[in-house]
N, C-alpha and C. Protein backbone atom coordinates (compact mmCIF):
# COMPACT_ATOMS: atom_id res chain seq x y z
N UNK A 1 4.19 14.31 -9.34
CA UNK A 1 4.47 13.19 -8.45
C UNK A 1 3.26 12.92 -7.56
N UNK A 2 3.09 11.65 -7.24
CA UNK A 2 2.02 11.26 -6.34
C UNK A 2 2.44 10.02 -5.57
N UNK A 3 2.02 9.93 -4.33
CA UNK A 3 2.22 8.72 -3.54
C UNK A 3 1.17 7.72 -3.98
N UNK A 4 1.59 6.55 -4.39
CA UNK A 4 0.67 5.52 -4.87
C UNK A 4 0.86 4.27 -4.01
N UNK A 5 -0.25 3.71 -3.54
CA UNK A 5 -0.17 2.50 -2.73
C UNK A 5 0.22 1.31 -3.59
N UNK A 6 0.78 0.32 -2.95
CA UNK A 6 1.26 -0.87 -3.65
C UNK A 6 0.18 -1.51 -4.50
N UNK A 7 -1.05 -1.60 -3.97
CA UNK A 7 -2.13 -2.23 -4.72
C UNK A 7 -2.54 -1.45 -5.96
N UNK A 8 -2.18 -0.19 -6.03
CA UNK A 8 -2.57 0.65 -7.16
C UNK A 8 -1.45 0.90 -8.15
N UNK A 9 -0.29 0.27 -7.92
CA UNK A 9 0.81 0.42 -8.86
C UNK A 9 0.53 -0.42 -10.11
N UNK A 10 0.97 0.09 -11.24
CA UNK A 10 0.75 -0.57 -12.52
C UNK A 10 2.09 -0.68 -13.24
N UNK A 11 2.29 -1.82 -13.89
CA UNK A 11 3.49 -2.01 -14.70
C UNK A 11 3.59 -0.84 -15.68
N UNK A 12 4.80 -0.27 -15.79
CA UNK A 12 5.02 0.85 -16.70
C UNK A 12 5.10 2.19 -16.00
N UNK A 13 4.61 2.28 -14.77
CA UNK A 13 4.74 3.55 -14.03
C UNK A 13 6.21 3.82 -13.78
N UNK A 14 6.56 5.10 -13.64
CA UNK A 14 7.96 5.50 -13.44
C UNK A 14 8.12 6.01 -12.00
N UNK A 15 9.14 5.48 -11.33
CA UNK A 15 9.41 5.86 -9.94
C UNK A 15 10.00 7.27 -9.91
N UNK A 16 9.42 8.13 -9.05
CA UNK A 16 9.83 9.53 -8.96
C UNK A 16 10.96 9.75 -7.96
N UNK A 17 11.12 8.86 -6.99
CA UNK A 17 12.23 9.00 -6.05
C UNK A 17 12.65 7.60 -5.58
N UNK A 18 13.91 7.48 -5.17
CA UNK A 18 14.44 6.19 -4.76
C UNK A 18 13.52 5.52 -3.75
N UNK A 19 13.38 4.21 -3.87
CA UNK A 19 12.62 3.41 -2.91
C UNK A 19 13.63 2.66 -2.06
N UNK A 20 13.55 2.90 -0.74
CA UNK A 20 14.52 2.30 0.18
C UNK A 20 13.80 1.45 1.22
N UNK A 21 14.52 0.45 1.75
CA UNK A 21 13.95 -0.36 2.81
C UNK A 21 14.12 0.39 4.14
N UNK A 22 13.71 -0.25 5.23
CA UNK A 22 13.75 0.40 6.55
C UNK A 22 15.15 0.82 6.97
N UNK A 23 16.16 0.10 6.51
CA UNK A 23 17.53 0.42 6.90
C UNK A 23 18.18 1.44 5.96
N UNK A 24 17.44 1.89 4.94
CA UNK A 24 17.97 2.89 4.03
C UNK A 24 18.61 2.32 2.77
N UNK A 25 18.61 1.00 2.65
CA UNK A 25 19.19 0.38 1.46
C UNK A 25 18.25 0.61 0.27
N UNK A 26 18.81 1.08 -0.83
CA UNK A 26 18.01 1.38 -2.02
C UNK A 26 17.58 0.09 -2.70
N UNK A 27 16.25 -0.03 -2.88
CA UNK A 27 15.69 -1.19 -3.57
C UNK A 27 15.48 -0.89 -5.05
N UNK A 28 14.96 0.31 -5.34
CA UNK A 28 14.72 0.73 -6.72
C UNK A 28 15.12 2.19 -6.87
N UNK A 29 15.73 2.52 -7.99
CA UNK A 29 16.23 3.87 -8.22
C UNK A 29 15.18 4.76 -8.89
N UNK A 30 15.35 6.07 -8.68
CA UNK A 30 14.54 7.06 -9.37
C UNK A 30 14.62 6.82 -10.87
N UNK A 31 13.48 6.92 -11.55
CA UNK A 31 13.43 6.75 -12.99
C UNK A 31 13.19 5.32 -13.45
N UNK A 32 13.14 4.39 -12.50
CA UNK A 32 12.89 2.99 -12.87
C UNK A 32 11.48 2.84 -13.42
N UNK A 33 11.38 2.11 -14.53
CA UNK A 33 10.09 1.80 -15.14
C UNK A 33 9.62 0.49 -14.51
N UNK A 34 8.52 0.52 -13.77
CA UNK A 34 8.08 -0.65 -13.01
C UNK A 34 7.73 -1.85 -13.89
N UNK A 35 8.18 -3.02 -13.44
CA UNK A 35 7.84 -4.29 -14.08
C UNK A 35 7.14 -5.16 -13.04
N UNK A 36 6.64 -6.31 -13.46
CA UNK A 36 6.03 -7.25 -12.50
C UNK A 36 7.02 -7.68 -11.43
N UNK A 37 8.27 -7.87 -11.82
CA UNK A 37 9.31 -8.27 -10.86
C UNK A 37 9.49 -7.19 -9.79
N UNK A 38 9.46 -5.92 -10.20
CA UNK A 38 9.58 -4.83 -9.23
C UNK A 38 8.41 -4.84 -8.25
N UNK A 39 7.20 -5.07 -8.76
CA UNK A 39 6.01 -5.09 -7.90
C UNK A 39 6.13 -6.21 -6.87
N UNK A 40 6.64 -7.37 -7.28
CA UNK A 40 6.86 -8.48 -6.33
C UNK A 40 7.91 -8.12 -5.29
N UNK A 41 8.97 -7.43 -5.73
CA UNK A 41 10.02 -7.00 -4.80
C UNK A 41 9.45 -6.05 -3.75
N UNK A 42 8.67 -5.07 -4.20
CA UNK A 42 8.06 -4.10 -3.28
C UNK A 42 7.16 -4.81 -2.27
N UNK A 43 6.36 -5.75 -2.75
CA UNK A 43 5.46 -6.49 -1.85
C UNK A 43 6.26 -7.31 -0.84
N UNK A 44 7.32 -7.98 -1.30
CA UNK A 44 8.09 -8.83 -0.39
C UNK A 44 8.82 -8.01 0.67
N UNK A 45 9.18 -6.78 0.37
CA UNK A 45 9.85 -5.92 1.34
C UNK A 45 8.87 -5.10 2.17
N UNK A 46 7.57 -5.24 1.90
CA UNK A 46 6.56 -4.55 2.71
C UNK A 46 6.53 -3.05 2.50
N UNK A 47 6.83 -2.61 1.29
CA UNK A 47 6.80 -1.17 0.98
C UNK A 47 5.35 -0.79 0.69
N UNK A 48 4.71 0.04 1.52
CA UNK A 48 3.29 0.33 1.33
C UNK A 48 2.98 1.33 0.21
N UNK A 49 3.84 2.33 0.03
CA UNK A 49 3.60 3.35 -1.00
C UNK A 49 4.93 3.79 -1.60
N UNK A 50 4.87 4.28 -2.84
CA UNK A 50 6.05 4.88 -3.46
C UNK A 50 5.61 6.10 -4.25
N UNK A 51 6.57 6.97 -4.51
CA UNK A 51 6.29 8.16 -5.32
C UNK A 51 6.42 7.81 -6.79
N UNK A 52 5.40 8.18 -7.55
CA UNK A 52 5.35 7.89 -8.98
C UNK A 52 5.37 9.21 -9.75
N UNK A 53 6.14 9.24 -10.82
CA UNK A 53 6.23 10.44 -11.67
C UNK A 53 4.97 10.56 -12.52
N UNK A 54 4.64 11.77 -12.86
CA UNK A 54 3.49 12.01 -13.73
C UNK A 54 2.44 12.82 -13.01
N UNK A 55 1.65 13.51 -13.78
CA UNK A 55 0.65 14.36 -13.18
C UNK A 55 -0.72 13.74 -13.11
N UNK A 56 -1.02 12.76 -13.96
CA UNK A 56 -2.37 12.20 -13.96
C UNK A 56 -2.42 10.86 -13.24
N UNK A 57 -2.12 10.89 -11.97
CA UNK A 57 -2.17 9.68 -11.17
C UNK A 57 -3.55 9.60 -10.53
N UNK A 58 -4.55 9.41 -11.35
CA UNK A 58 -5.91 9.24 -10.86
C UNK A 58 -6.26 7.77 -10.85
N UNK A 59 -5.24 6.91 -10.89
CA UNK A 59 -5.49 5.47 -10.90
C UNK A 59 -5.77 4.96 -9.51
N UNK A 60 -5.58 5.82 -8.51
CA UNK A 60 -5.84 5.40 -7.15
C UNK A 60 -7.30 5.05 -6.99
N UNK A 61 -7.59 3.98 -6.26
CA UNK A 61 -8.96 3.59 -5.98
C UNK A 61 -9.57 4.65 -5.08
N UNK A 62 -10.69 5.27 -5.49
CA UNK A 62 -11.29 6.31 -4.67
C UNK A 62 -11.72 5.81 -3.30
N UNK A 63 -11.94 4.51 -3.15
CA UNK A 63 -12.35 3.99 -1.85
C UNK A 63 -11.18 3.95 -0.87
N UNK A 64 -9.96 3.90 -1.38
CA UNK A 64 -8.80 3.84 -0.51
C UNK A 64 -8.66 5.15 0.25
N UNK A 65 -8.58 5.05 1.55
CA UNK A 65 -8.43 6.25 2.37
C UNK A 65 -9.74 6.98 2.60
N UNK A 66 -10.84 6.53 1.99
CA UNK A 66 -12.10 7.23 2.16
C UNK A 66 -13.10 6.36 2.93
N UNK A 67 -12.60 5.46 3.75
CA UNK A 67 -13.47 4.62 4.58
C UNK A 67 -14.04 5.51 5.68
N UNK A 68 -15.34 5.40 5.89
CA UNK A 68 -16.00 6.16 6.94
C UNK A 68 -15.25 5.94 8.26
N UNK A 69 -14.92 7.01 8.98
CA UNK A 69 -14.14 6.85 10.22
C UNK A 69 -14.79 5.91 11.24
N UNK A 70 -16.10 5.92 11.35
CA UNK A 70 -16.77 5.03 12.30
C UNK A 70 -16.60 3.58 11.88
N UNK A 71 -16.78 3.29 10.58
CA UNK A 71 -16.59 1.94 10.06
C UNK A 71 -15.14 1.53 10.20
N UNK A 72 -14.23 2.45 9.90
CA UNK A 72 -12.81 2.14 10.00
C UNK A 72 -12.45 1.74 11.44
N UNK A 73 -13.00 2.41 12.39
CA UNK A 73 -12.73 2.10 13.80
C UNK A 73 -13.21 0.68 14.13
N UNK A 74 -14.40 0.32 13.65
CA UNK A 74 -14.94 -1.02 13.88
C UNK A 74 -14.05 -2.07 13.21
N UNK A 75 -13.66 -1.79 11.96
CA UNK A 75 -12.83 -2.74 11.21
C UNK A 75 -11.45 -2.88 11.83
N UNK A 76 -10.87 -1.78 12.31
CA UNK A 76 -9.56 -1.85 12.96
C UNK A 76 -9.63 -2.74 14.20
N UNK A 77 -10.75 -2.65 14.92
CA UNK A 77 -10.91 -3.49 16.11
C UNK A 77 -11.03 -4.96 15.71
N UNK A 78 -11.85 -5.25 14.67
CA UNK A 78 -12.01 -6.62 14.20
C UNK A 78 -10.69 -7.20 13.69
N UNK A 79 -10.04 -6.45 12.82
CA UNK A 79 -8.78 -6.92 12.24
C UNK A 79 -7.71 -6.99 13.33
N UNK A 80 -7.74 -6.05 14.25
CA UNK A 80 -6.78 -6.03 15.35
C UNK A 80 -6.80 -7.32 16.17
N UNK A 81 -7.99 -7.91 16.33
CA UNK A 81 -8.07 -9.18 17.06
C UNK A 81 -7.32 -10.28 16.32
N UNK A 82 -7.37 -10.24 14.99
CA UNK A 82 -6.67 -11.25 14.19
C UNK A 82 -5.15 -11.04 14.18
N UNK A 83 -4.74 -9.80 14.40
CA UNK A 83 -3.32 -9.44 14.34
C UNK A 83 -2.73 -9.19 15.74
N UNK A 84 -3.42 -9.62 16.79
CA UNK A 84 -3.02 -9.22 18.14
C UNK A 84 -1.61 -9.68 18.54
N UNK A 85 -1.12 -10.73 17.93
CA UNK A 85 0.23 -11.22 18.26
C UNK A 85 1.27 -10.79 17.24
N UNK A 86 0.88 -9.92 16.34
CA UNK A 86 1.79 -9.47 15.27
C UNK A 86 2.40 -8.11 15.63
N UNK A 87 3.55 -7.84 15.07
CA UNK A 87 4.23 -6.55 15.26
C UNK A 87 3.74 -5.59 14.17
N UNK A 88 2.77 -4.73 14.52
CA UNK A 88 2.18 -3.82 13.54
C UNK A 88 3.15 -2.74 13.07
N UNK A 89 4.30 -2.62 13.71
CA UNK A 89 5.29 -1.64 13.24
C UNK A 89 6.11 -2.19 12.08
N UNK A 90 6.04 -3.50 11.84
CA UNK A 90 6.76 -4.10 10.71
C UNK A 90 6.03 -3.71 9.43
N UNK A 91 6.74 -3.24 8.40
CA UNK A 91 6.09 -2.76 7.18
C UNK A 91 5.20 -3.80 6.49
N UNK A 92 5.63 -5.04 6.45
CA UNK A 92 4.83 -6.07 5.78
C UNK A 92 3.54 -6.33 6.56
N UNK A 93 3.65 -6.38 7.88
CA UNK A 93 2.48 -6.65 8.72
C UNK A 93 1.52 -5.47 8.65
N UNK A 94 2.04 -4.25 8.72
CA UNK A 94 1.16 -3.07 8.66
C UNK A 94 0.47 -2.98 7.30
N UNK A 95 1.16 -3.38 6.24
CA UNK A 95 0.54 -3.39 4.91
C UNK A 95 -0.58 -4.42 4.86
N UNK A 96 -0.34 -5.61 5.39
CA UNK A 96 -1.38 -6.64 5.43
C UNK A 96 -2.57 -6.19 6.27
N UNK A 97 -2.29 -5.56 7.39
CA UNK A 97 -3.35 -5.04 8.27
C UNK A 97 -4.23 -4.06 7.49
N UNK A 98 -3.60 -3.13 6.79
CA UNK A 98 -4.35 -2.14 6.02
C UNK A 98 -5.12 -2.79 4.87
N UNK A 99 -4.51 -3.77 4.22
CA UNK A 99 -5.20 -4.48 3.13
C UNK A 99 -6.45 -5.19 3.65
N UNK A 100 -6.37 -5.78 4.83
CA UNK A 100 -7.53 -6.44 5.42
C UNK A 100 -8.65 -5.44 5.69
N UNK A 101 -8.30 -4.30 6.23
CA UNK A 101 -9.30 -3.27 6.50
C UNK A 101 -9.97 -2.83 5.21
N UNK A 102 -9.17 -2.56 4.18
CA UNK A 102 -9.72 -2.12 2.91
C UNK A 102 -10.62 -3.19 2.29
N UNK A 103 -10.19 -4.45 2.34
CA UNK A 103 -11.00 -5.53 1.77
C UNK A 103 -12.32 -5.67 2.51
N UNK A 104 -12.27 -5.63 3.83
CA UNK A 104 -13.50 -5.76 4.61
C UNK A 104 -14.45 -4.58 4.34
N UNK A 105 -13.89 -3.39 4.18
CA UNK A 105 -14.72 -2.22 3.88
C UNK A 105 -15.40 -2.39 2.53
N UNK A 106 -14.65 -2.88 1.53
CA UNK A 106 -15.24 -3.11 0.21
C UNK A 106 -16.33 -4.17 0.27
N UNK A 107 -16.07 -5.24 1.03
CA UNK A 107 -17.07 -6.32 1.15
C UNK A 107 -18.35 -5.79 1.78
N UNK A 108 -18.23 -4.96 2.79
CA UNK A 108 -19.42 -4.40 3.43
C UNK A 108 -20.15 -3.43 2.51
N UNK A 109 -19.38 -2.70 1.74
CA UNK A 109 -19.98 -1.74 0.80
C UNK A 109 -20.74 -2.47 -0.32
N UNK A 110 -20.16 -3.58 -0.80
CA UNK A 110 -20.76 -4.32 -1.92
C UNK A 110 -21.79 -5.35 -1.49
N UNK A 111 -22.01 -5.46 -0.20
CA UNK A 111 -23.07 -6.35 0.25
C UNK A 111 -22.57 -7.62 0.75
């Protein structure tokens, strides 16, 4: 099992444990084989990560989570100005916030 971020999920992966929304309502059951519709559902509910069955979950982008802490701090400040009126505790907003940071880090890395 591995925690996989929404952006790194691939159709055909198998869910290792139930995926629930903030109130505990089950959205997808253990053993579900992911489809495009499931990926859209997860995105619309703001689910940032889910547990995926299997041992070779090396599909994760190595850049994810490996942003230099100093750069991450700068990017969080920049992105934070854009999100200053948003509720960062909301799962969809926090996912968008993180996606912006990751995209900006990639853009800076690639020139």
